[in-house]
mmCIF file of all heavy atoms, coordinates in Angstrom:
data_MODEL
# 
_entry.id   MODEL 
# 
loop_
_atom_site.group_PDB 
_atom_site.id 
_atom_site.type_symbol 
_atom_site.label_atom_id 
_atom_site.label_alt_id 
_atom_site.label_comp_id 
_atom_site.label_asym_id 
_atom_site.label_entity_id 
_atom_site.label_seq_id 
_atom_site.pdbx_PDB_ins_code 
_atom_site.Cartn_x 
_atom_site.Cartn_y 
_atom_site.Cartn_z 
_atom_site.occupancy 
_atom_site.B_iso_or_equiv 
_atom_site.pdbx_formal_charge 
_atom_site.auth_seq_id 
_atom_site.auth_comp_id 
_atom_site.auth_asym_id 
_atom_site.auth_atom_id 
_atom_site.pdbx_PDB_model_num 
ATOM 1   N N   . GLU A 1 1  ? 12.887 10.634 10.484 1.00 0.00 ? 1  GLU A N   1 
ATOM 2   C CA  . GLU A 1 1  ? 11.478 10.962 10.731 1.00 0.00 ? 1  GLU A CA  1 
ATOM 3   C C   . GLU A 1 1  ? 11.364 12.295 11.457 1.00 0.00 ? 1  GLU A C   1 
ATOM 4   O O   . GLU A 1 1  ? 10.510 13.134 11.135 1.00 0.00 ? 1  GLU A O   1 
ATOM 5   C CB  . GLU A 1 1  ? 10.831 9.856  11.570 1.00 0.00 ? 1  GLU A CB  1 
ATOM 6   C CG  . GLU A 1 1  ? 10.663 8.534  10.849 1.00 0.00 ? 1  GLU A CG  1 
ATOM 7   C CD  . GLU A 1 1  ? 9.511  8.568  9.863  1.00 0.00 ? 1  GLU A CD  1 
ATOM 8   O OE1 . GLU A 1 1  ? 8.408  8.985  10.235 1.00 0.00 ? 1  GLU A OE1 1 
ATOM 9   O OE2 . GLU A 1 1  ? 9.738  8.189  8.694  1.00 0.00 ? 1  GLU A OE2 1 
ATOM 10  N N   . PHE A 1 2  ? 12.216 12.477 12.443 1.00 0.00 ? 2  PHE A N   1 
ATOM 11  C CA  . PHE A 1 2  ? 12.200 13.730 13.204 1.00 0.00 ? 2  PHE A CA  1 
ATOM 12  C C   . PHE A 1 2  ? 12.534 14.918 12.314 1.00 0.00 ? 2  PHE A C   1 
ATOM 13  O O   . PHE A 1 2  ? 11.914 15.986 12.434 1.00 0.00 ? 2  PHE A O   1 
ATOM 14  C CB  . PHE A 1 2  ? 13.187 13.645 14.363 1.00 0.00 ? 2  PHE A CB  1 
ATOM 15  C CG  . PHE A 1 2  ? 13.439 14.972 15.020 1.00 0.00 ? 2  PHE A CG  1 
ATOM 16  C CD1 . PHE A 1 2  ? 12.479 15.546 15.836 1.00 0.00 ? 2  PHE A CD1 1 
ATOM 17  C CD2 . PHE A 1 2  ? 14.619 15.673 14.790 1.00 0.00 ? 2  PHE A CD2 1 
ATOM 18  C CE1 . PHE A 1 2  ? 12.689 16.784 16.428 1.00 0.00 ? 2  PHE A CE1 1 
ATOM 19  C CE2 . PHE A 1 2  ? 14.839 16.898 15.378 1.00 0.00 ? 2  PHE A CE2 1 
ATOM 20  C CZ  . PHE A 1 2  ? 13.876 17.462 16.208 1.00 0.00 ? 2  PHE A CZ  1 
ATOM 21  N N   . GLU A 1 3  ? 13.510 14.772 11.416 1.00 0.00 ? 3  GLU A N   1 
ATOM 22  C CA  . GLU A 1 3  ? 13.886 15.878 10.528 1.00 0.00 ? 3  GLU A CA  1 
ATOM 23  C C   . GLU A 1 3  ? 12.678 16.333 9.706  1.00 0.00 ? 3  GLU A C   1 
ATOM 24  O O   . GLU A 1 3  ? 12.453 17.533 9.512  1.00 0.00 ? 3  GLU A O   1 
ATOM 25  C CB  . GLU A 1 3  ? 15.019 15.456 9.590  1.00 0.00 ? 3  GLU A CB  1 
ATOM 26  C CG  . GLU A 1 3  ? 16.324 15.102 10.269 1.00 0.00 ? 3  GLU A CG  1 
ATOM 27  C CD  . GLU A 1 3  ? 17.179 16.300 10.606 1.00 0.00 ? 3  GLU A CD  1 
ATOM 28  O OE1 . GLU A 1 3  ? 16.837 17.421 10.186 1.00 0.00 ? 3  GLU A OE1 1 
ATOM 29  O OE2 . GLU A 1 3  ? 18.202 16.120 11.293 1.00 0.00 ? 3  GLU A OE2 1 
ATOM 30  N N   . GLY A 1 4  ? 11.895 15.379 9.214  1.00 0.00 ? 4  GLY A N   1 
ATOM 31  C CA  . GLY A 1 4  ? 10.708 15.739 8.455  1.00 0.00 ? 4  GLY A CA  1 
ATOM 32  C C   . GLY A 1 4  ? 9.683  16.458 9.302  1.00 0.00 ? 4  GLY A C   1 
ATOM 33  O O   . GLY A 1 4  ? 9.087  17.457 8.878  1.00 0.00 ? 4  GLY A O   1 
ATOM 34  N N   . ALA A 1 5  ? 9.453  15.970 10.530 1.00 0.00 ? 5  ALA A N   1 
ATOM 35  C CA  . ALA A 1 5  ? 8.485  16.607 11.424 1.00 0.00 ? 5  ALA A CA  1 
ATOM 36  C C   . ALA A 1 5  ? 8.933  18.012 11.807 1.00 0.00 ? 5  ALA A C   1 
ATOM 37  O O   . ALA A 1 5  ? 8.126  18.949 11.843 1.00 0.00 ? 5  ALA A O   1 
ATOM 38  C CB  . ALA A 1 5  ? 8.303  15.761 12.681 1.00 0.00 ? 5  ALA A CB  1 
ATOM 39  N N   . PHE A 1 6  ? 10.208 18.171 12.096 1.00 0.00 ? 6  PHE A N   1 
ATOM 40  C CA  . PHE A 1 6  ? 10.752 19.490 12.445 1.00 0.00 ? 6  PHE A CA  1 
ATOM 41  C C   . PHE A 1 6  ? 10.555 20.467 11.289 1.00 0.00 ? 6  PHE A C   1 
ATOM 42  O O   . PHE A 1 6  ? 10.078 21.605 11.486 1.00 0.00 ? 6  PHE A O   1 
ATOM 43  C CB  . PHE A 1 6  ? 12.236 19.358 12.787 1.00 0.00 ? 6  PHE A CB  1 
ATOM 44  C CG  . PHE A 1 6  ? 12.905 20.644 13.184 1.00 0.00 ? 6  PHE A CG  1 
ATOM 45  C CD1 . PHE A 1 6  ? 13.007 21.003 14.520 1.00 0.00 ? 6  PHE A CD1 1 
ATOM 46  C CD2 . PHE A 1 6  ? 13.448 21.497 12.234 1.00 0.00 ? 6  PHE A CD2 1 
ATOM 47  C CE1 . PHE A 1 6  ? 13.624 22.194 14.900 1.00 0.00 ? 6  PHE A CE1 1 
ATOM 48  C CE2 . PHE A 1 6  ? 14.061 22.688 12.591 1.00 0.00 ? 6  PHE A CE2 1 
ATOM 49  C CZ  . PHE A 1 6  ? 14.147 23.037 13.932 1.00 0.00 ? 6  PHE A CZ  1 
ATOM 50  N N   . ALA A 1 7  ? 10.904 20.045 10.073 1.00 0.00 ? 7  ALA A N   1 
ATOM 51  C CA  . ALA A 1 7  ? 10.797 20.925 8.911  1.00 0.00 ? 7  ALA A CA  1 
ATOM 52  C C   . ALA A 1 7  ? 9.360  21.372 8.674  1.00 0.00 ? 7  ALA A C   1 
ATOM 53  O O   . ALA A 1 7  ? 9.081  22.558 8.462  1.00 0.00 ? 7  ALA A O   1 
ATOM 54  C CB  . ALA A 1 7  ? 11.345 20.210 7.665  1.00 0.00 ? 7  ALA A CB  1 
ATOM 55  N N   . LEU A 1 8  ? 8.421  20.431 8.743  1.00 0.00 ? 8  LEU A N   1 
ATOM 56  C CA  . LEU A 1 8  ? 7.031  20.758 8.462  1.00 0.00 ? 8  LEU A CA  1 
ATOM 57  C C   . LEU A 1 8  ? 6.431  21.641 9.550  1.00 0.00 ? 8  LEU A C   1 
ATOM 58  O O   . LEU A 1 8  ? 5.736  22.625 9.269  1.00 0.00 ? 8  LEU A O   1 
ATOM 59  C CB  . LEU A 1 8  ? 6.216  19.471 8.321  1.00 0.00 ? 8  LEU A CB  1 
ATOM 60  C CG  . LEU A 1 8  ? 4.721  19.646 8.017  1.00 0.00 ? 8  LEU A CG  1 
ATOM 61  C CD1 . LEU A 1 8  ? 4.510  20.464 6.740  1.00 0.00 ? 8  LEU A CD1 1 
ATOM 62  C CD2 . LEU A 1 8  ? 4.033  18.292 7.898  1.00 0.00 ? 8  LEU A CD2 1 
ATOM 63  N N   . THR A 1 9  ? 6.704  21.327 10.808 1.00 0.00 ? 9  THR A N   1 
ATOM 64  C CA  . THR A 1 9  ? 6.069  22.058 11.903 1.00 0.00 ? 9  THR A CA  1 
ATOM 65  C C   . THR A 1 9  ? 6.564  23.497 11.962 1.00 0.00 ? 9  THR A C   1 
ATOM 66  O O   . THR A 1 9  ? 5.767  24.429 12.158 1.00 0.00 ? 9  THR A O   1 
ATOM 67  C CB  . THR A 1 9  ? 6.324  21.337 13.238 1.00 0.00 ? 9  THR A CB  1 
ATOM 68  O OG1 . THR A 1 9  ? 5.921  19.977 13.121 1.00 0.00 ? 9  THR A OG1 1 
ATOM 69  C CG2 . THR A 1 9  ? 5.531  21.980 14.357 1.00 0.00 ? 9  THR A CG2 1 
ATOM 70  N N   . PHE A 1 10 ? 7.841  23.711 11.791 1.00 0.00 ? 10 PHE A N   1 
ATOM 71  C CA  . PHE A 1 10 ? 8.335  25.087 11.825 1.00 0.00 ? 10 PHE A CA  1 
ATOM 72  C C   . PHE A 1 10 ? 7.951  25.851 10.557 1.00 0.00 ? 10 PHE A C   1 
ATOM 73  O O   . PHE A 1 10 ? 7.820  27.082 10.591 1.00 0.00 ? 10 PHE A O   1 
ATOM 74  C CB  . PHE A 1 10 ? 9.839  25.122 12.075 1.00 0.00 ? 10 PHE A CB  1 
ATOM 75  C CG  . PHE A 1 10 ? 10.177 25.129 13.541 1.00 0.00 ? 10 PHE A CG  1 
ATOM 76  C CD1 . PHE A 1 10 ? 10.538 23.957 14.193 1.00 0.00 ? 10 PHE A CD1 1 
ATOM 77  C CD2 . PHE A 1 10 ? 10.072 26.289 14.290 1.00 0.00 ? 10 PHE A CD2 1 
ATOM 78  C CE1 . PHE A 1 10 ? 10.813 23.958 15.549 1.00 0.00 ? 10 PHE A CE1 1 
ATOM 79  C CE2 . PHE A 1 10 ? 10.336 26.298 15.643 1.00 0.00 ? 10 PHE A CE2 1 
ATOM 80  C CZ  . PHE A 1 10 ? 10.709 25.130 16.282 1.00 0.00 ? 10 PHE A CZ  1 
ATOM 81  N N   . GLU A 1 11 ? 7.716  25.162 9.453  1.00 0.00 ? 11 GLU A N   1 
ATOM 82  C CA  . GLU A 1 11 ? 7.181  25.841 8.279  1.00 0.00 ? 11 GLU A CA  1 
ATOM 83  C C   . GLU A 1 11 ? 5.774  26.359 8.565  1.00 0.00 ? 11 GLU A C   1 
ATOM 84  O O   . GLU A 1 11 ? 5.416  27.477 8.195  1.00 0.00 ? 11 GLU A O   1 
ATOM 85  C CB  . GLU A 1 11 ? 7.153  24.881 7.087  1.00 0.00 ? 11 GLU A CB  1 
ATOM 86  C CG  . GLU A 1 11 ? 6.642  25.492 5.791  1.00 0.00 ? 11 GLU A CG  1 
ATOM 87  C CD  . GLU A 1 11 ? 7.552  26.567 5.220  1.00 0.00 ? 11 GLU A CD  1 
ATOM 88  O OE1 . GLU A 1 11 ? 8.761  26.551 5.521  1.00 0.00 ? 11 GLU A OE1 1 
ATOM 89  O OE2 . GLU A 1 11 ? 7.060  27.426 4.459  1.00 0.00 ? 11 GLU A OE2 1 
ATOM 90  N N   . VAL A 1 12 ? 4.962  25.548 9.251  1.00 0.00 ? 12 VAL A N   1 
ATOM 91  C CA  . VAL A 1 12 ? 3.611  25.985 9.615  1.00 0.00 ? 12 VAL A CA  1 
ATOM 92  C C   . VAL A 1 12 ? 3.678  27.168 10.580 1.00 0.00 ? 12 VAL A C   1 
ATOM 93  O O   . VAL A 1 12 ? 2.895  28.122 10.469 1.00 0.00 ? 12 VAL A O   1 
ATOM 94  C CB  . VAL A 1 12 ? 2.822  24.800 10.224 1.00 0.00 ? 12 VAL A CB  1 
ATOM 95  C CG1 . VAL A 1 12 ? 1.525  25.286 10.867 1.00 0.00 ? 12 VAL A CG1 1 
ATOM 96  C CG2 . VAL A 1 12 ? 2.508  23.777 9.138  1.00 0.00 ? 12 VAL A CG2 1 
ATOM 97  N N   . ALA A 1 13 ? 4.608  27.118 11.537 1.00 0.00 ? 13 ALA A N   1 
ATOM 98  C CA  . ALA A 1 13 ? 4.747  28.230 12.484 1.00 0.00 ? 13 ALA A CA  1 
ATOM 99  C C   . ALA A 1 13 ? 5.074  29.531 11.757 1.00 0.00 ? 13 ALA A C   1 
ATOM 100 O O   . ALA A 1 13 ? 4.485  30.583 12.037 1.00 0.00 ? 13 ALA A O   1 
ATOM 101 C CB  . ALA A 1 13 ? 5.840  27.905 13.504 1.00 0.00 ? 13 ALA A CB  1 
ATOM 102 N N   . HIS A 1 14 ? 6.007  29.462 10.814 1.00 0.00 ? 14 HIS A N   1 
ATOM 103 C CA  . HIS A 1 14 ? 6.375  30.666 10.059 1.00 0.00 ? 14 HIS A CA  1 
ATOM 104 C C   . HIS A 1 14 ? 5.219  31.121 9.169  1.00 0.00 ? 14 HIS A C   1 
ATOM 105 O O   . HIS A 1 14 ? 4.942  32.323 9.040  1.00 0.00 ? 14 HIS A O   1 
ATOM 106 C CB  . HIS A 1 14 ? 7.613  30.379 9.222  1.00 0.00 ? 14 HIS A CB  1 
ATOM 107 C CG  . HIS A 1 14 ? 8.398  31.600 8.883  1.00 0.00 ? 14 HIS A CG  1 
ATOM 108 N ND1 . HIS A 1 14 ? 9.511  31.597 8.066  1.00 0.00 ? 14 HIS A ND1 1 
ATOM 109 C CD2 . HIS A 1 14 ? 8.229  32.906 9.230  1.00 0.00 ? 14 HIS A CD2 1 
ATOM 110 C CE1 . HIS A 1 14 ? 9.993  32.818 7.955  1.00 0.00 ? 14 HIS A CE1 1 
ATOM 111 N NE2 . HIS A 1 14 ? 9.225  33.634 8.635  1.00 0.00 ? 14 HIS A NE2 1 
ATOM 112 N N   . LEU A 1 15 ? 4.534  30.166 8.580  1.00 0.00 ? 15 LEU A N   1 
ATOM 113 C CA  . LEU A 1 15 ? 3.393  30.473 7.717  1.00 0.00 ? 15 LEU A CA  1 
ATOM 114 C C   . LEU A 1 15 ? 2.286  31.169 8.503  1.00 0.00 ? 15 LEU A C   1 
ATOM 115 O O   . LEU A 1 15 ? 1.662  32.129 8.015  1.00 0.00 ? 15 LEU A O   1 
ATOM 116 C CB  . LEU A 1 15 ? 2.877  29.167 7.105  1.00 0.00 ? 15 LEU A CB  1 
ATOM 117 C CG  . LEU A 1 15 ? 1.703  29.246 6.136  1.00 0.00 ? 15 LEU A CG  1 
ATOM 118 C CD1 . LEU A 1 15 ? 2.048  30.099 4.926  1.00 0.00 ? 15 LEU A CD1 1 
ATOM 119 C CD2 . LEU A 1 15 ? 1.308  27.830 5.700  1.00 0.00 ? 15 LEU A CD2 1 
ATOM 120 N N   . LEU A 1 16 ? 2.041  30.728 9.735  1.00 0.00 ? 16 LEU A N   1 
ATOM 121 C CA  . LEU A 1 16 ? 1.028  31.361 10.577 1.00 0.00 ? 16 LEU A CA  1 
ATOM 122 C C   . LEU A 1 16 ? 1.324  32.843 10.766 1.00 0.00 ? 16 LEU A C   1 
ATOM 123 O O   . LEU A 1 16 ? 0.423  33.687 10.649 1.00 0.00 ? 16 LEU A O   1 
ATOM 124 C CB  . LEU A 1 16 ? 0.963  30.643 11.927 1.00 0.00 ? 16 LEU A CB  1 
ATOM 125 C CG  . LEU A 1 16 ? 0.044  31.243 12.994 1.00 0.00 ? 16 LEU A CG  1 
ATOM 126 C CD1 . LEU A 1 16 ? -1.411 31.245 12.537 1.00 0.00 ? 16 LEU A CD1 1 
ATOM 127 C CD2 . LEU A 1 16 ? 0.195  30.484 14.321 1.00 0.00 ? 16 LEU A CD2 1 
ATOM 128 N N   . GLY A 1 17 ? 2.559  33.170 11.061 1.00 0.00 ? 17 GLY A N   1 
ATOM 129 C CA  . GLY A 1 17 ? 2.918  34.575 11.240 1.00 0.00 ? 17 GLY A CA  1 
ATOM 130 C C   . GLY A 1 17 ? 2.745  35.388 9.970  1.00 0.00 ? 17 GLY A C   1 
ATOM 131 O O   . GLY A 1 17 ? 2.268  36.530 10.014 1.00 0.00 ? 17 GLY A O   1 
ATOM 132 N N   . ARG A 1 18 ? 3.118  34.824 8.843  1.00 0.00 ? 18 ARG A N   1 
ATOM 133 C CA  . ARG A 1 18 ? 2.983  35.554 7.571  1.00 0.00 ? 18 ARG A CA  1 
ATOM 134 C C   . ARG A 1 18 ? 1.508  35.804 7.245  1.00 0.00 ? 18 ARG A C   1 
ATOM 135 O O   . ARG A 1 18 ? 1.146  36.895 6.786  1.00 0.00 ? 18 ARG A O   1 
ATOM 136 C CB  . ARG A 1 18 ? 3.662  34.775 6.444  1.00 0.00 ? 18 ARG A CB  1 
ATOM 137 C CG  . ARG A 1 18 ? 5.168  34.645 6.603  1.00 0.00 ? 18 ARG A CG  1 
ATOM 138 C CD  . ARG A 1 18 ? 5.859  34.324 5.288  1.00 0.00 ? 18 ARG A CD  1 
ATOM 139 N NE  . ARG A 1 18 ? 5.387  33.102 4.670  1.00 0.00 ? 18 ARG A NE  1 
ATOM 140 C CZ  . ARG A 1 18 ? 5.857  31.878 4.925  1.00 0.00 ? 18 ARG A CZ  1 
ATOM 141 N NH1 . ARG A 1 18 ? 6.799  31.716 5.845  1.00 0.00 ? 18 ARG A NH1 1 
ATOM 142 N NH2 . ARG A 1 18 ? 5.391  30.821 4.283  1.00 0.00 ? 18 ARG A NH2 1 
ATOM 143 N N   . VAL A 1 19 ? 0.674  34.806 7.485  1.00 0.00 ? 19 VAL A N   1 
ATOM 144 C CA  . VAL A 1 19 ? -0.761 34.975 7.204  1.00 0.00 ? 19 VAL A CA  1 
ATOM 145 C C   . VAL A 1 19 ? -1.371 36.013 8.139  1.00 0.00 ? 19 VAL A C   1 
ATOM 146 O O   . VAL A 1 19 ? -2.140 36.887 7.712  1.00 0.00 ? 19 VAL A O   1 
ATOM 147 C CB  . VAL A 1 19 ? -1.491 33.618 7.312  1.00 0.00 ? 19 VAL A CB  1 
ATOM 148 C CG1 . VAL A 1 19 ? -3.000 33.819 7.279  1.00 0.00 ? 19 VAL A CG1 1 
ATOM 149 C CG2 . VAL A 1 19 ? -1.055 32.688 6.176  1.00 0.00 ? 19 VAL A CG2 1 
ATOM 150 N N   . GLU A 1 20 ? -1.034 35.940 9.415  1.00 0.00 ? 20 GLU A N   1 
ATOM 151 C CA  . GLU A 1 20 ? -1.614 36.869 10.387 1.00 0.00 ? 20 GLU A CA  1 
ATOM 152 C C   . GLU A 1 20 ? -1.249 38.313 10.089 1.00 0.00 ? 20 GLU A C   1 
ATOM 153 O O   . GLU A 1 20 ? -2.038 39.231 10.369 1.00 0.00 ? 20 GLU A O   1 
ATOM 154 C CB  . GLU A 1 20 ? -1.143 36.511 11.794 1.00 0.00 ? 20 GLU A CB  1 
ATOM 155 C CG  . GLU A 1 20 ? -1.801 35.275 12.388 1.00 0.00 ? 20 GLU A CG  1 
ATOM 156 C CD  . GLU A 1 20 ? -1.353 34.996 13.802 1.00 0.00 ? 20 GLU A CD  1 
ATOM 157 O OE1 . GLU A 1 20 ? -0.212 35.359 14.167 1.00 0.00 ? 20 GLU A OE1 1 
ATOM 158 O OE2 . GLU A 1 20 ? -2.140 34.387 14.555 1.00 0.00 ? 20 GLU A OE2 1 
ATOM 159 N N   . HIS A 1 21 ? -0.083 38.552 9.521  1.00 0.00 ? 21 HIS A N   1 
ATOM 160 C CA  . HIS A 1 21 ? 0.390  39.923 9.326  1.00 0.00 ? 21 HIS A CA  1 
ATOM 161 C C   . HIS A 1 21 ? 0.364  40.367 7.872  1.00 0.00 ? 21 HIS A C   1 
ATOM 162 O O   . HIS A 1 21 ? 1.014  41.354 7.510  1.00 0.00 ? 21 HIS A O   1 
ATOM 163 C CB  . HIS A 1 21 ? 1.793  40.069 9.914  1.00 0.00 ? 21 HIS A CB  1 
ATOM 164 C CG  . HIS A 1 21 ? 1.816  39.909 11.401 1.00 0.00 ? 21 HIS A CG  1 
ATOM 165 N ND1 . HIS A 1 21 ? 1.346  40.869 12.266 1.00 0.00 ? 21 HIS A ND1 1 
ATOM 166 C CD2 . HIS A 1 21 ? 2.203  38.867 12.185 1.00 0.00 ? 21 HIS A CD2 1 
ATOM 167 C CE1 . HIS A 1 21 ? 1.456  40.445 13.501 1.00 0.00 ? 21 HIS A CE1 1 
ATOM 168 N NE2 . HIS A 1 21 ? 1.970  39.234 13.484 1.00 0.00 ? 21 HIS A NE2 1 
ATOM 169 N N   . GLY A 1 22 ? -0.405 39.647 7.043  1.00 0.00 ? 22 GLY A N   1 
ATOM 170 C CA  . GLY A 1 22 ? -0.613 40.088 5.660  1.00 0.00 ? 22 GLY A CA  1 
ATOM 171 C C   . GLY A 1 22 ? 0.620  40.009 4.792  1.00 0.00 ? 22 GLY A C   1 
ATOM 172 O O   . GLY A 1 22 ? 0.701  40.688 3.760  1.00 0.00 ? 22 GLY A O   1 
ATOM 173 N N   . ALA A 1 23 ? 1.590  39.177 5.166  1.00 0.00 ? 23 ALA A N   1 
ATOM 174 C CA  . ALA A 1 23 ? 2.816  39.048 4.377  1.00 0.00 ? 23 ALA A CA  1 
ATOM 175 C C   . ALA A 1 23 ? 2.836  37.759 3.564  1.00 0.00 ? 23 ALA A C   1 
ATOM 176 O O   . ALA A 1 23 ? 3.848  37.455 2.920  1.00 0.00 ? 23 ALA A O   1 
ATOM 177 C CB  . ALA A 1 23 ? 4.029  39.092 5.304  1.00 0.00 ? 23 ALA A CB  1 
ATOM 178 N N   . ALA A 1 24 ? 1.733  37.013 3.566  1.00 0.00 ? 24 ALA A N   1 
ATOM 179 C CA  . ALA A 1 24 ? 1.697  35.715 2.895  1.00 0.00 ? 24 ALA A CA  1 
ATOM 180 C C   . ALA A 1 24 ? 1.463  35.870 1.406  1.00 0.00 ? 24 ALA A C   1 
ATOM 181 O O   . ALA A 1 24 ? 0.880  36.866 0.938  1.00 0.00 ? 24 ALA A O   1 
ATOM 182 C CB  . ALA A 1 24 ? 0.600  34.852 3.504  1.00 0.00 ? 24 ALA A CB  1 
ATOM 183 N N   . LEU A 1 25 ? 1.905  34.885 0.639  1.00 0.00 ? 25 LEU A N   1 
ATOM 184 C CA  . LEU A 1 25 ? 1.595  34.819 -0.780 1.00 0.00 ? 25 LEU A CA  1 
ATOM 185 C C   . LEU A 1 25 ? 0.112  34.495 -0.956 1.00 0.00 ? 25 LEU A C   1 
ATOM 186 O O   . LEU A 1 25 ? -0.541 34.005 -0.023 1.00 0.00 ? 25 LEU A O   1 
ATOM 187 C CB  . LEU A 1 25 ? 2.458  33.749 -1.449 1.00 0.00 ? 25 LEU A CB  1 
ATOM 188 C CG  . LEU A 1 25 ? 3.968  34.011 -1.410 1.00 0.00 ? 25 LEU A CG  1 
ATOM 189 C CD1 . LEU A 1 25 ? 4.734  32.786 -1.934 1.00 0.00 ? 25 LEU A CD1 1 
ATOM 190 C CD2 . LEU A 1 25 ? 4.321  35.247 -2.224 1.00 0.00 ? 25 LEU A CD2 1 
ATOM 191 N N   . PRO A 1 26 ? -0.457 34.737 -2.137 1.00 0.00 ? 26 PRO A N   1 
ATOM 192 C CA  . PRO A 1 26 ? -1.905 34.565 -2.307 1.00 0.00 ? 26 PRO A CA  1 
ATOM 193 C C   . PRO A 1 26 ? -2.440 33.190 -1.923 1.00 0.00 ? 26 PRO A C   1 
ATOM 194 O O   . PRO A 1 26 ? -3.555 33.077 -1.417 1.00 0.00 ? 26 PRO A O   1 
ATOM 195 C CB  . PRO A 1 26 ? -2.103 34.849 -3.805 1.00 0.00 ? 26 PRO A CB  1 
ATOM 196 C CG  . PRO A 1 26 ? -0.996 35.793 -4.154 1.00 0.00 ? 26 PRO A CG  1 
ATOM 197 C CD  . PRO A 1 26 ? 0.179  35.349 -3.328 1.00 0.00 ? 26 PRO A CD  1 
ATOM 198 N N   . HIS A 1 27 ? -1.658 32.146 -2.138 1.00 0.00 ? 27 HIS A N   1 
ATOM 199 C CA  . HIS A 1 27 ? -2.169 30.799 -1.873 1.00 0.00 ? 27 HIS A CA  1 
ATOM 200 C C   . HIS A 1 27 ? -1.956 30.354 -0.414 1.00 0.00 ? 27 HIS A C   1 
ATOM 201 O O   . HIS A 1 27 ? -2.460 29.302 -0.017 1.00 0.00 ? 27 HIS A O   1 
ATOM 202 C CB  . HIS A 1 27 ? -1.476 29.784 -2.789 1.00 0.00 ? 27 HIS A CB  1 
ATOM 203 C CG  . HIS A 1 27 ? -0.025 29.572 -2.471 1.00 0.00 ? 27 HIS A CG  1 
ATOM 204 N ND1 . HIS A 1 27 ? 0.947  30.471 -2.837 1.00 0.00 ? 27 HIS A ND1 1 
ATOM 205 C CD2 . HIS A 1 27 ? 0.628  28.573 -1.805 1.00 0.00 ? 27 HIS A CD2 1 
ATOM 206 C CE1 . HIS A 1 27 ? 2.135  30.042 -2.424 1.00 0.00 ? 27 HIS A CE1 1 
ATOM 207 N NE2 . HIS A 1 27 ? 1.961  28.894 -1.792 1.00 0.00 ? 27 HIS A NE2 1 
# 
């Protein structure tokens, strides 16, 4: 359960940075 939570939460953290700095994919 923890492995799933860790994977998802750090994906969101990385996604936040990409969106904020215009490096995100269109979706």
